[in-house]
Amino acid sequence: MTGDAEPVPGRYYVLVDVEIREPERYRTYMEKVRPALEAAGGRYLVRGGAHTVYEGGWTPARLVLLEFPSREAWETFYEGPEYAGIRTVREETSTARMVGVEGLGPGM
């Protein structure tokens, strides 16, 4: 991408590294978050599973990769009232590091 290129609206991805402290209560979060996430246009691409670190000192506990139709869709979900109550459970039962990144537009 050159410095003068306009950003292309497209998919938005959120990578979460989560360490679960209370597995039983965290299950409640997992049961409730999926329908809310899907209603907002999001979907899971990765939800846990084996992973390999190839470089650096990063040691993620559990990786989750989400896809949304746009950054706006993600932020509407993340900051919205439906997720607010669900997020409280996640925050009480786990520690997360989260980053969002714009996907490439068509033809990139």
PDB file of N, CA and C in Angstrom:
ATOM      1  N   MET A   1       0.846  -1.172   0.000  1.00  0.00           N
ATOM      2  CA  MET A   1       0.000   0.000   0.000  1.00  0.00           C
ATOM      3  C   MET A   1       0.886   1.228   0.000  1.00  0.00           C
ATOM      4  N   THR A   2       0.654   2.123  -0.901  1.00  0.00           N
ATOM      5  CA  THR A   2       1.454   3.341  -0.967  1.00  0.00           C
ATOM      6  C   THR A   2       0.903   4.379  -0.006  1.00  0.00           C
ATOM      7  N   GLY A   3       1.697   5.386   0.288  1.00  0.00           N
ATOM      8  CA  GLY A   3       1.316   6.420   1.233  1.00  0.00           C
ATOM      9  C   GLY A   3       0.104   7.223   0.804  1.00  0.00           C
ATOM     10  N   ASP A   4      -0.163   7.337  -0.515  1.00  0.00           N
ATOM     11  CA  ASP A   4      -1.289   8.150  -0.968  1.00  0.00           C
ATOM     12  C   ASP A   4      -2.531   7.334  -1.285  1.00  0.00           C
ATOM     13  N   ALA A   5      -2.497   6.050  -1.064  1.00  0.00           N
ATOM     14  CA  ALA A   5      -3.659   5.207  -1.357  1.00  0.00           C
ATOM     15  C   ALA A   5      -4.728   5.404  -0.288  1.00  0.00           C
ATOM     16  N   GLU A   6      -5.963   5.435  -0.734  1.00  0.00           N
ATOM     17  CA  GLU A   6      -7.086   5.537   0.194  1.00  0.00           C
ATOM     18  C   GLU A   6      -7.351   4.169   0.820  1.00  0.00           C
ATOM     19  N   PRO A   7      -7.689   4.138   2.109  1.00  0.00           N
ATOM     20  CA  PRO A   7      -8.037   2.851   2.707  1.00  0.00           C
ATOM     21  C   PRO A   7      -9.268   2.271   2.016  1.00  0.00           C
ATOM     22  N   VAL A   8      -9.265   0.984   1.837  1.00  0.00           N
ATOM     23  CA  VAL A   8     -10.388   0.299   1.199  1.00  0.00           C
ATOM     24  C   VAL A   8     -11.244  -0.305   2.305  1.00  0.00           C
ATOM     25  N   PRO A   9     -12.532   0.067   2.355  1.00  0.00           N
ATOM     26  CA  PRO A   9     -13.369  -0.554   3.379  1.00  0.00           C
ATOM     27  C   PRO A   9     -13.427  -2.060   3.147  1.00  0.00           C
ATOM     28  N   GLY A  10     -13.323  -2.800   4.193  1.00  0.00           N
ATOM     29  CA  GLY A  10     -13.350  -4.249   4.046  1.00  0.00           C
ATOM     30  C   GLY A  10     -13.440  -4.927   5.385  1.00  0.00           C
ATOM     31  N   ARG A  11     -13.119  -6.161   5.383  1.00  0.00           N
ATOM     32  CA  ARG A  11     -13.190  -6.979   6.584  1.00  0.00           C
ATOM     33  C   ARG A  11     -12.293  -6.423   7.687  1.00  0.00           C
ATOM     34  N   TYR A  12     -12.711  -6.690   8.916  1.00  0.00           N
ATOM     35  CA  TYR A  12     -11.947  -6.277  10.086  1.00  0.00           C
ATOM     36  C   TYR A  12     -11.751  -7.513  10.949  1.00  0.00           C
ATOM     37  N   TYR A  13     -10.520  -7.722  11.387  1.00  0.00           N
ATOM     38  CA  TYR A  13     -10.167  -8.910  12.153  1.00  0.00           C
ATOM     39  C   TYR A  13      -9.725  -8.507  13.555  1.00  0.00           C
ATOM     40  N   VAL A  14     -10.139  -9.288  14.530  1.00  0.00           N
ATOM     41  CA  VAL A  14      -9.772  -9.041  15.920  1.00  0.00           C
ATOM     42  C   VAL A  14      -9.098 -10.301  16.444  1.00  0.00           C
ATOM     43  N   LEU A  15      -7.857 -10.138  16.896  1.00  0.00           N
ATOM     44  CA  LEU A  15      -7.085 -11.237  17.460  1.00  0.00           C
ATOM     45  C   LEU A  15      -7.062 -11.071  18.974  1.00  0.00           C
ATOM     46  N   VAL A  16      -7.454 -12.117  19.668  1.00  0.00           N
ATOM     47  CA  VAL A  16      -7.537 -12.085  21.126  1.00  0.00           C
ATOM     48  C   VAL A  16      -6.660 -13.198  21.688  1.00  0.00           C
ATOM     49  N   ASP A  17      -5.807 -12.829  22.623  1.00  0.00           N
ATOM     50  CA  ASP A  17      -5.019 -13.787  23.393  1.00  0.00           C
ATOM     51  C   ASP A  17      -5.640 -13.785  24.783  1.00  0.00           C
ATOM     52  N   VAL A  18      -6.286 -14.873  25.158  1.00  0.00           N
ATOM     53  CA  VAL A  18      -7.034 -14.899  26.413  1.00  0.00           C
ATOM     54  C   VAL A  18      -6.514 -15.995  27.337  1.00  0.00           C
ATOM     55  N   GLU A  19      -6.355 -15.618  28.587  1.00  0.00           N
ATOM     56  CA  GLU A  19      -5.972 -16.573  29.629  1.00  0.00           C
ATOM     57  C   GLU A  19      -7.171 -16.738  30.552  1.00  0.00           C
ATOM     58  N   ILE A  20      -7.726 -17.922  30.587  1.00  0.00           N
ATOM     59  CA  ILE A  20      -8.940 -18.198  31.355  1.00  0.00           C
ATOM     60  C   ILE A  20      -8.569 -18.571  32.784  1.00  0.00           C
ATOM     61  N   ARG A  21      -9.149 -17.847  33.750  1.00  0.00           N
ATOM     62  CA  ARG A  21      -8.891 -18.109  35.166  1.00  0.00           C
ATOM     63  C   ARG A  21      -9.981 -18.964  35.813  1.00  0.00           C
ATOM     64  N   GLU A  22     -11.215 -18.820  35.326  1.00  0.00           N
ATOM     65  CA  GLU A  22     -12.346 -19.550  35.889  1.00  0.00           C
ATOM     66  C   GLU A  22     -13.106 -20.246  34.754  1.00  0.00           C
ATOM     67  N   PRO A  23     -12.669 -21.442  34.388  1.00  0.00           N
ATOM     68  CA  PRO A  23     -13.250 -22.125  33.224  1.00  0.00           C
ATOM     69  C   PRO A  23     -14.762 -22.331  33.281  1.00  0.00           C
ATOM     70  N   GLU A  24     -15.304 -22.663  34.433  1.00  0.00           N
ATOM     71  CA  GLU A  24     -16.750 -22.910  34.532  1.00  0.00           C
ATOM     72  C   GLU A  24     -17.541 -21.649  34.212  1.00  0.00           C
ATOM     73  N   ARG A  25     -17.191 -20.556  34.821  1.00  0.00           N
ATOM     74  CA  ARG A  25     -17.892 -19.295  34.552  1.00  0.00           C
ATOM     75  C   ARG A  25     -17.601 -18.781  33.146  1.00  0.00           C
ATOM     76  N   TYR A  26     -16.420 -19.030  32.637  1.00  0.00           N
ATOM     77  CA  TYR A  26     -16.079 -18.585  31.284  1.00  0.00           C
ATOM     78  C   TYR A  26     -16.960 -19.284  30.250  1.00  0.00           C
ATOM     79  N   ARG A  27     -17.373 -20.510  30.530  1.00  0.00           N
ATOM     80  CA  ARG A  27     -18.277 -21.220  29.623  1.00  0.00           C
ATOM     81  C   ARG A  27     -19.579 -20.437  29.428  1.00  0.00           C
ATOM     82  N   THR A  28     -20.038 -19.794  30.477  1.00  0.00           N
ATOM     83  CA  THR A  28     -21.232 -18.953  30.378  1.00  0.00           C
ATOM     84  C   THR A  28     -21.007 -17.843  29.352  1.00  0.00           C
ATOM     85  N   TYR A  29     -19.843 -17.233  29.400  1.00  0.00           N
ATOM     86  CA  TYR A  29     -19.494 -16.197  28.421  1.00  0.00           C
ATOM     87  C   TYR A  29     -19.521 -16.778  27.007  1.00  0.00           C
ATOM     88  N   MET A  30     -18.889 -17.921  26.821  1.00  0.00           N
ATOM     89  CA  MET A  30     -18.802 -18.524  25.486  1.00  0.00           C
ATOM     90  C   MET A  30     -20.194 -18.865  24.935  1.00  0.00           C
ATOM     91  N   GLU A  31     -21.088 -19.312  25.790  1.00  0.00           N
ATOM     92  CA  GLU A  31     -22.446 -19.642  25.343  1.00  0.00           C
ATOM     93  C   GLU A  31     -23.224 -18.401  24.917  1.00  0.00           C
ATOM     94  N   LYS A  32     -23.008 -17.297  25.599  1.00  0.00           N
ATOM     95  CA  LYS A  32     -23.777 -16.083  25.325  1.00  0.00           C
ATOM     96  C   LYS A  32     -23.173 -15.221  24.222  1.00  0.00           C
ATOM     97  N   VAL A  33     -21.871 -15.257  24.066  1.00  0.00           N
ATOM     98  CA  VAL A  33     -21.245 -14.322  23.138  1.00  0.00           C
ATOM     99  C   VAL A  33     -21.466 -14.691  21.673  1.00  0.00           C
ATOM    100  N   ARG A  34     -21.478 -15.963  21.355  1.00  0.00           N
ATOM    101  CA  ARG A  34     -21.604 -16.356  19.941  1.00  0.00           C
ATOM    102  C   ARG A  34     -22.864 -15.804  19.273  1.00  0.00           C
ATOM    103  N   PRO A  35     -24.069 -15.970  19.844  1.00  0.00           N
ATOM    104  CA  PRO A  35     -25.254 -15.409  19.177  1.00  0.00           C
ATOM    105  C   PRO A  35     -25.178 -13.885  19.036  1.00  0.00           C
ATOM    106  N   ALA A  36     -24.646 -13.201  20.041  1.00  0.00           N
ATOM    107  CA  ALA A  36     -24.526 -11.738  19.965  1.00  0.00           C
ATOM    108  C   ALA A  36     -23.535 -11.335  18.885  1.00  0.00           C
ATOM    109  N   LEU A  37     -22.424 -12.030  18.820  1.00  0.00           N
ATOM    110  CA  LEU A  37     -21.387 -11.764  17.820  1.00  0.00           C
ATOM    111  C   LEU A  37     -21.931 -11.993  16.409  1.00  0.00           C
ATOM    112  N   GLU A  38     -22.633 -13.101  16.212  1.00  0.00           N
ATOM    113  CA  GLU A  38     -23.179 -13.416  14.885  1.00  0.00           C
ATOM    114  C   GLU A  38     -24.272 -12.427  14.486  1.00  0.00           C
ATOM    115  N   ALA A  39     -25.079 -11.972  15.444  1.00  0.00           N
ATOM    116  CA  ALA A  39     -26.119 -10.981  15.151  1.00  0.00           C
ATOM    117  C   ALA A  39     -25.501  -9.659  14.687  1.00  0.00           C
ATOM    118  N   ALA A  40     -24.266  -9.389  15.121  1.00  0.00           N
ATOM    119  CA  ALA A  40     -23.557  -8.168  14.728  1.00  0.00           C
ATOM    120  C   ALA A  40     -22.774  -8.350  13.434  1.00  0.00           C
ATOM    121  N   GLY A  41     -22.883  -9.516  12.804  1.00  0.00           N
ATOM    122  CA  GLY A  41     -22.188  -9.771  11.543  1.00  0.00           C
ATOM    123  C   GLY A  41     -20.824 -10.400  11.713  1.00  0.00           C
ATOM    124  N   GLY A  42     -20.445 -10.741  12.941  1.00  0.00           N
ATOM    125  CA  GLY A  42     -19.142 -11.339  13.201  1.00  0.00           C
ATOM    126  C   GLY A  42     -19.182 -12.856  13.129  1.00  0.00           C
ATOM    127  N   ARG A  43     -17.989 -13.428  13.039  1.00  0.00           N
ATOM    128  CA  ARG A  43     -17.878 -14.885  13.082  1.00  0.00           C
ATOM    129  C   ARG A  43     -16.500 -15.259  13.592  1.00  0.00           C
ATOM    130  N   TYR A  44     -16.434 -16.471  14.139  1.00  0.00           N
ATOM    131  CA  TYR A  44     -15.162 -17.016  14.596  1.00  0.00           C
ATOM    132  C   TYR A  44     -14.419 -17.622  13.414  1.00  0.00           C
ATOM    133  N   LEU A  45     -13.148 -17.310  13.297  1.00  0.00           N
ATOM    134  CA  LEU A  45     -12.266 -18.003  12.360  1.00  0.00           C
ATOM    135  C   LEU A  45     -11.394 -18.986  13.121  1.00  0.00           C
ATOM    136  N   VAL A  46     -11.039 -18.632  14.341  1.00  0.00           N
ATOM    137  CA  VAL A  46     -10.248 -19.484  15.239  1.00  0.00           C
ATOM    138  C   VAL A  46     -10.827 -19.301  16.633  1.00  0.00           C
ATOM    139  N   ARG A  47     -11.004 -20.404  17.327  1.00  0.00           N
ATOM    140  CA  ARG A  47     -11.497 -20.331  18.714  1.00  0.00           C
ATOM    141  C   ARG A  47     -10.766 -21.387  19.522  1.00  0.00           C
ATOM    142  N   GLY A  48      -9.602 -21.009  20.039  1.00  0.00           N
ATOM    143  CA  GLY A  48      -8.770 -21.960  20.768  1.00  0.00           C
ATOM    144  C   GLY A  48      -7.999 -22.805  19.771  1.00  0.00           C
ATOM    145  N   GLY A  49      -7.651 -23.981  20.152  1.00  0.00           N
ATOM    146  CA  GLY A  49      -6.920 -24.870  19.253  1.00  0.00           C
ATOM    147  C   GLY A  49      -5.419 -24.735  19.427  1.00  0.00           C
ATOM    148  N   ALA A  50      -4.724 -25.694  18.875  1.00  0.00           N
ATOM    149  CA  ALA A  50      -3.262 -25.719  18.974  1.00  0.00           C
ATOM    150  C   ALA A  50      -2.670 -24.577  18.156  1.00  0.00           C
ATOM    151  N   HIS A  51      -1.606 -24.001  18.654  1.00  0.00           N
ATOM    152  CA  HIS A  51      -0.900 -22.949  17.923  1.00  0.00           C
ATOM    153  C   HIS A  51       0.601 -23.110  18.143  1.00  0.00           C
ATOM    154  N   THR A  52       1.381 -22.484  17.271  1.00  0.00           N
ATOM    155  CA  THR A  52       2.839 -22.557  17.337  1.00  0.00           C
ATOM    156  C   THR A  52       3.402 -21.151  17.244  1.00  0.00           C
ATOM    157  N   VAL A  53       4.296 -20.792  18.142  1.00  0.00           N
ATOM    158  CA  VAL A  53       4.995 -19.507  18.070  1.00  0.00           C
ATOM    159  C   VAL A  53       6.253 -19.726  17.251  1.00  0.00           C
ATOM    160  N   TYR A  54       6.411 -18.963  16.180  1.00  0.00           N
ATOM    161  CA  TYR A  54       7.575 -19.125  15.308  1.00  0.00           C
ATOM    162  C   TYR A  54       8.670 -18.107  15.582  1.00  0.00           C
ATOM    163  N   GLU A  55       8.312 -16.953  16.107  1.00  0.00           N
ATOM    164  CA  GLU A  55       9.320 -15.936  16.421  1.00  0.00           C
ATOM    165  C   GLU A  55       8.884 -15.139  17.635  1.00  0.00           C
ATOM    166  N   GLY A  56       9.850 -14.595  18.321  1.00  0.00           N
ATOM    167  CA  GLY A  56       9.574 -13.691  19.430  1.00  0.00           C
ATOM    168  C   GLY A  56       9.294 -14.409  20.732  1.00  0.00           C
ATOM    169  N   GLY A  57       9.117 -13.616  21.760  1.00  0.00           N
ATOM    170  CA  GLY A  57       8.904 -14.146  23.100  1.00  0.00           C
ATOM    171  C   GLY A  57       7.443 -14.235  23.493  1.00  0.00           C
ATOM    172  N   TRP A  58       6.553 -14.156  22.531  1.00  0.00           N
ATOM    173  CA  TRP A  58       5.123 -14.191  22.798  1.00  0.00           C
ATOM    174  C   TRP A  58       4.700 -15.615  23.132  1.00  0.00           C
ATOM    175  N   THR A  59       3.984 -15.797  24.220  1.00  0.00           N
ATOM    176  CA  THR A  59       3.474 -17.114  24.584  1.00  0.00           C
ATOM    177  C   THR A  59       1.969 -17.002  24.852  1.00  0.00           C
ATOM    178  N   PRO A  60       1.182 -16.958  23.788  1.00  0.00           N
ATOM    179  CA  PRO A  60      -0.264 -16.828  23.985  1.00  0.00           C
ATOM    180  C   PRO A  60      -0.844 -18.048  24.688  1.00  0.00           C
ATOM    181  N   ALA A  61      -1.849 -17.804  25.508  1.00  0.00           N
ATOM    182  CA  ALA A  61      -2.505 -18.890  26.230  1.00  0.00           C
ATOM    183  C   ALA A  61      -3.553 -19.562  25.341  1.00  0.00           C
ATOM    184  N   ARG A  62      -4.477 -18.778  24.828  1.00  0.00           N
ATOM    185  CA  ARG A  62      -5.564 -19.283  23.977  1.00  0.00           C
ATOM    186  C   ARG A  62      -5.865 -18.201  22.962  1.00  0.00           C
ATOM    187  N   LEU A  63      -5.814 -18.545  21.691  1.00  0.00           N
ATOM    188  CA  LEU A  63      -6.024 -17.556  20.643  1.00  0.00           C
ATOM    189  C   LEU A  63      -7.425 -17.662  20.056  1.00  0.00           C
ATOM    190  N   VAL A  64      -8.010 -16.493  19.821  1.00  0.00           N
ATOM    191  CA  VAL A  64      -9.308 -16.393  19.169  1.00  0.00           C
ATOM    192  C   VAL A  64      -9.152 -15.367  18.054  1.00  0.00           C
ATOM    193  N   LEU A  65      -9.650 -15.692  16.870  1.00  0.00           N
ATOM    194  CA  LEU A  65      -9.612 -14.771  15.737  1.00  0.00           C
ATOM    195  C   LEU A  65     -11.037 -14.566  15.247  1.00  0.00           C
ATOM    196  N   LEU A  66     -11.460 -13.299  15.259  1.00  0.00           N
ATOM    197  CA  LEU A  66     -12.803 -12.930  14.840  1.00  0.00           C
ATOM    198  C   LEU A  66     -12.752 -12.177  13.523  1.00  0.00           C
ATOM    199  N   GLU A  67     -13.797 -12.311  12.725  1.00  0.00           N
ATOM    200  CA  GLU A  67     -13.920 -11.546  11.490  1.00  0.00           C
ATOM    201  C   GLU A  67     -15.246 -10.792  11.528  1.00  0.00           C
ATOM    202  N   PHE A  68     -15.183  -9.506  11.193  1.00  0.00           N
ATOM    203  CA  PHE A  68     -16.373  -8.661  11.094  1.00  0.00           C
ATOM    204  C   PHE A  68     -16.395  -8.021   9.718  1.00  0.00           C
ATOM    205  N   PRO A  69     -17.564  -7.624   9.244  1.00  0.00           N
ATOM    206  CA  PRO A  69     -17.641  -7.016   7.918  1.00  0.00           C
ATOM    207  C   PRO A  69     -16.894  -5.688   7.826  1.00  0.00           C
ATOM    208  N   SER A  70     -16.710  -5.011   8.965  1.00  0.00           N
ATOM    209  CA  SER A  70     -16.021  -3.720   8.974  1.00  0.00           C
ATOM    210  C   SER A  70     -15.586  -3.386  10.397  1.00  0.00           C
ATOM    211  N   ARG A  71     -14.715  -2.406  10.502  1.00  0.00           N
ATOM    212  CA  ARG A  71     -14.310  -1.928  11.828  1.00  0.00           C
ATOM    213  C   ARG A  71     -15.517  -1.352  12.565  1.00  0.00           C
ATOM    214  N   GLU A  72     -16.347  -0.657  11.831  1.00  0.00           N
ATOM    215  CA  GLU A  72     -17.546  -0.079  12.431  1.00  0.00           C
ATOM    216  C   GLU A  72     -18.448  -1.163  13.026  1.00  0.00           C
ATOM    217  N   ALA A  73     -18.613  -2.268  12.308  1.00  0.00           N
ATOM    218  CA  ALA A  73     -19.434  -3.375  12.821  1.00  0.00           C
ATOM    219  C   ALA A  73     -18.839  -3.932  14.111  1.00  0.00           C
ATOM    220  N   TRP A  74     -17.516  -4.095  14.139  1.00  0.00           N
ATOM    221  CA  TRP A  74     -16.847  -4.580  15.354  1.00  0.00           C
ATOM    222  C   TRP A  74     -17.065  -3.614  16.507  1.00  0.00           C
ATOM    223  N   GLU A  75     -16.811  -2.323  16.273  1.00  0.00           N
ATOM    224  CA  GLU A  75     -16.912  -1.342  17.355  1.00  0.00           C
ATOM    225  C   GLU A  75     -18.350  -1.184  17.852  1.00  0.00           C
ATOM    226  N   THR A  76     -19.313  -1.309  16.952  1.00  0.00           N
ATOM    227  CA  THR A  76     -20.713  -1.267  17.361  1.00  0.00           C
ATOM    228  C   THR A  76     -21.028  -2.442  18.276  1.00  0.00           C
ATOM    229  N   PHE A  77     -20.525  -3.617  17.919  1.00  0.00           N
ATOM    230  CA  PHE A  77     -20.702  -4.799  18.762  1.00  0.00           C
ATOM    231  C   PHE A  77     -19.982  -4.624  20.100  1.00  0.00           C
ATOM    232  N   TYR A  78     -18.702  -4.297  20.051  1.00  0.00           N
ATOM    233  CA  TYR A  78     -17.850  -4.244  21.245  1.00  0.00           C
ATOM    234  C   TYR A  78     -18.316  -3.191  22.243  1.00  0.00           C
ATOM    235  N   GLU A  79     -18.771  -2.069  21.730  1.00  0.00           N
ATOM    236  CA  GLU A  79     -19.186  -0.961  22.602  1.00  0.00           C
ATOM    237  C   GLU A  79     -20.688  -0.956  22.880  1.00  0.00           C
ATOM    238  N   GLY A  80     -21.424  -1.906  22.297  1.00  0.00           N
ATOM    239  CA  GLY A  80     -22.873  -1.926  22.406  1.00  0.00           C
ATOM    240  C   GLY A  80     -23.394  -2.486  23.721  1.00  0.00           C
ATOM    241  N   PRO A  81     -24.657  -2.214  23.998  1.00  0.00           N
ATOM    242  CA  PRO A  81     -25.265  -2.647  25.264  1.00  0.00           C
ATOM    243  C   PRO A  81     -25.386  -4.166  25.405  1.00  0.00           C
ATOM    244  N   GLU A  82     -25.611  -4.877  24.306  1.00  0.00           N
ATOM    245  CA  GLU A  82     -25.756  -6.331  24.412  1.00  0.00           C
ATOM    246  C   GLU A  82     -24.452  -6.979  24.873  1.00  0.00           C
ATOM    247  N   TYR A  83     -23.335  -6.533  24.315  1.00  0.00           N
ATOM    248  CA  TYR A  83     -22.057  -7.132  24.697  1.00  0.00           C
ATOM    249  C   TYR A  83     -21.584  -6.651  26.063  1.00  0.00           C
ATOM    250  N   ALA A  84     -22.027  -5.492  26.503  1.00  0.00           N
ATOM    251  CA  ALA A  84     -21.548  -4.936  27.776  1.00  0.00           C
ATOM    252  C   ALA A  84     -21.731  -5.921  28.928  1.00  0.00           C
ATOM    253  N   GLY A  85     -22.912  -6.512  29.038  1.00  0.00           N
ATOM    254  CA  GLY A  85     -23.159  -7.471  30.115  1.00  0.00           C
ATOM    255  C   GLY A  85     -22.379  -8.754  29.949  1.00  0.00           C
ATOM    256  N   ILE A  86     -22.251  -9.195  28.715  1.00  0.00           N
ATOM    257  CA  ILE A  86     -21.498 -10.418  28.434  1.00  0.00           C
ATOM    258  C   ILE A  86     -20.017 -10.188  28.713  1.00  0.00           C
ATOM    259  N   ARG A  87     -19.511  -9.022  28.326  1.00  0.00           N
ATOM    260  CA  ARG A  87     -18.094  -8.697  28.517  1.00  0.00           C
ATOM    261  C   ARG A  87     -17.719  -8.704  29.996  1.00  0.00           C
ATOM    262  N   THR A  88     -18.637  -8.310  30.852  1.00  0.00           N
ATOM    263  CA  THR A  88     -18.373  -8.308  32.292  1.00  0.00           C
ATOM    264  C   THR A  88     -17.963  -9.698  32.759  1.00  0.00           C
ATOM    265  N   VAL A  89     -18.643 -10.725  32.264  1.00  0.00           N
ATOM    266  CA  VAL A  89     -18.304 -12.109  32.636  1.00  0.00           C
ATOM    267  C   VAL A  89     -16.896 -12.438  32.158  1.00  0.00           C
ATOM    268  N   ARG A  90     -16.566 -12.054  30.904  1.00  0.00           N
ATOM    269  CA  ARG A  90     -15.223 -12.327  30.384  1.00  0.00           C
ATOM    270  C   ARG A  90     -14.168 -11.635  31.236  1.00  0.00           C
ATOM    271  N   GLU A  91     -14.398 -10.387  31.580  1.00  0.00           N
ATOM    272  CA  GLU A  91     -13.416  -9.635  32.361  1.00  0.00           C
ATOM    273  C   GLU A  91     -13.231 -10.205  33.765  1.00  0.00           C
ATOM    274  N   GLU A  92     -14.288 -10.764  34.333  1.00  0.00           N
ATOM    275  CA  GLU A  92     -14.209 -11.344  35.675  1.00  0.00           C
ATOM    276  C   GLU A  92     -13.548 -12.713  35.686  1.00  0.00           C
ATOM    277  N   THR A  93     -13.546 -13.406  34.543  1.00  0.00           N
ATOM    278  CA  THR A  93     -13.076 -14.787  34.515  1.00  0.00           C
ATOM    279  C   THR A  93     -11.810 -15.014  33.707  1.00  0.00           C
ATOM    280  N   SER A  94     -11.308 -13.962  33.071  1.00  0.00           N
ATOM    281  CA  SER A  94     -10.136 -14.133  32.209  1.00  0.00           C
ATOM    282  C   SER A  94      -9.366 -12.826  32.082  1.00  0.00           C
ATOM    283  N   THR A  95      -8.185 -12.938  31.509  1.00  0.00           N
ATOM    284  CA  THR A  95      -7.368 -11.785  31.152  1.00  0.00           C
ATOM    285  C   THR A  95      -7.152 -11.865  29.649  1.00  0.00           C
ATOM    286  N   ALA A  96      -7.395 -10.751  28.963  1.00  0.00           N
ATOM    287  CA  ALA A  96      -7.279 -10.776  27.512  1.00  0.00           C
ATOM    288  C   ALA A  96      -6.399  -9.645  26.999  1.00  0.00           C
ATOM    289  N   ARG A  97      -5.730  -9.910  25.899  1.00  0.00           N
ATOM    290  CA  ARG A  97      -5.027  -8.912  25.109  1.00  0.00           C
ATOM    291  C   ARG A  97      -5.683  -8.974  23.742  1.00  0.00           C
ATOM    292  N   MET A  98      -6.025  -7.818  23.199  1.00  0.00           N
ATOM    293  CA  MET A  98      -6.852  -7.798  22.003  1.00  0.00           C
ATOM    294  C   MET A  98      -6.338  -6.728  21.044  1.00  0.00           C
ATOM    295  N   VAL A  99      -6.327  -7.082  19.766  1.00  0.00           N
ATOM    296  CA  VAL A  99      -5.902  -6.125  18.750  1.00  0.00           C
ATOM    297  C   VAL A  99      -6.788  -6.304  17.521  1.00  0.00           C
ATOM    298  N   GLY A 100      -7.121  -5.189  16.875  1.00  0.00           N
ATOM    299  CA  GLY A 100      -7.909  -5.237  15.651  1.00  0.00           C
ATOM    300  C   GLY A 100      -7.063  -4.802  14.478  1.00  0.00           C
ATOM    301  N   VAL A 101      -7.358  -5.351  13.299  1.00  0.00           N
ATOM    302  CA  VAL A 101      -6.585  -5.006  12.106  1.00  0.00           C
ATOM    303  C   VAL A 101      -7.499  -5.026  10.885  1.00  0.00           C
ATOM    304  N   GLU A 102      -7.315  -4.037  10.021  1.00  0.00           N
ATOM    305  CA  GLU A 102      -8.074  -3.962   8.779  1.00  0.00           C
ATOM    306  C   GLU A 102      -7.606  -5.057   7.825  1.00  0.00           C
ATOM    307  N   GLY A 103      -8.561  -5.704   7.182  1.00  0.00           N
ATOM    308  CA  GLY A 103      -8.237  -6.688   6.163  1.00  0.00           C
ATOM    309  C   GLY A 103      -7.941  -5.985   4.842  1.00  0.00           C
ATOM    310  N   LEU A 104      -7.386  -6.724   3.917  1.00  0.00           N
ATOM    311  CA  LEU A 104      -7.107  -6.169   2.588  1.00  0.00           C
ATOM    312  C   LEU A 104      -8.403  -6.070   1.801  1.00  0.00           C
ATOM    313  N   GLY A 105      -8.508  -5.012   1.023  1.00  0.00           N
ATOM    314  CA  GLY A 105      -9.664  -4.852   0.162  1.00  0.00           C
ATOM    315  C   GLY A 105      -9.547  -5.757  -1.059  1.00  0.00           C
ATOM    316  N   PRO A 106     -10.591  -5.817  -1.853  1.00  0.00           N
ATOM    317  CA  PRO A 106     -10.570  -6.646  -3.057  1.00  0.00           C
ATOM    318  C   PRO A 106      -9.401  -6.264  -3.968  1.00  0.00           C
ATOM    319  N   GLY A 107      -8.729  -7.247  -4.508  1.00  0.00           N
ATOM    320  CA  GLY A 107      -7.646  -7.011  -5.441  1.00  0.00           C
ATOM    321  C   GLY A 107      -6.338  -6.551  -4.827  1.00  0.00           C
ATOM    322  N   MET A 108      -6.243  -6.540  -3.511  1.00  0.00           N
ATOM    323  CA  MET A 108      -5.009  -6.074  -2.857  1.00  0.00           C
ATOM    324  C   MET A 108      -3.989  -7.174  -2.802  1.00  0.00           C
TER     325      MET A 108
END
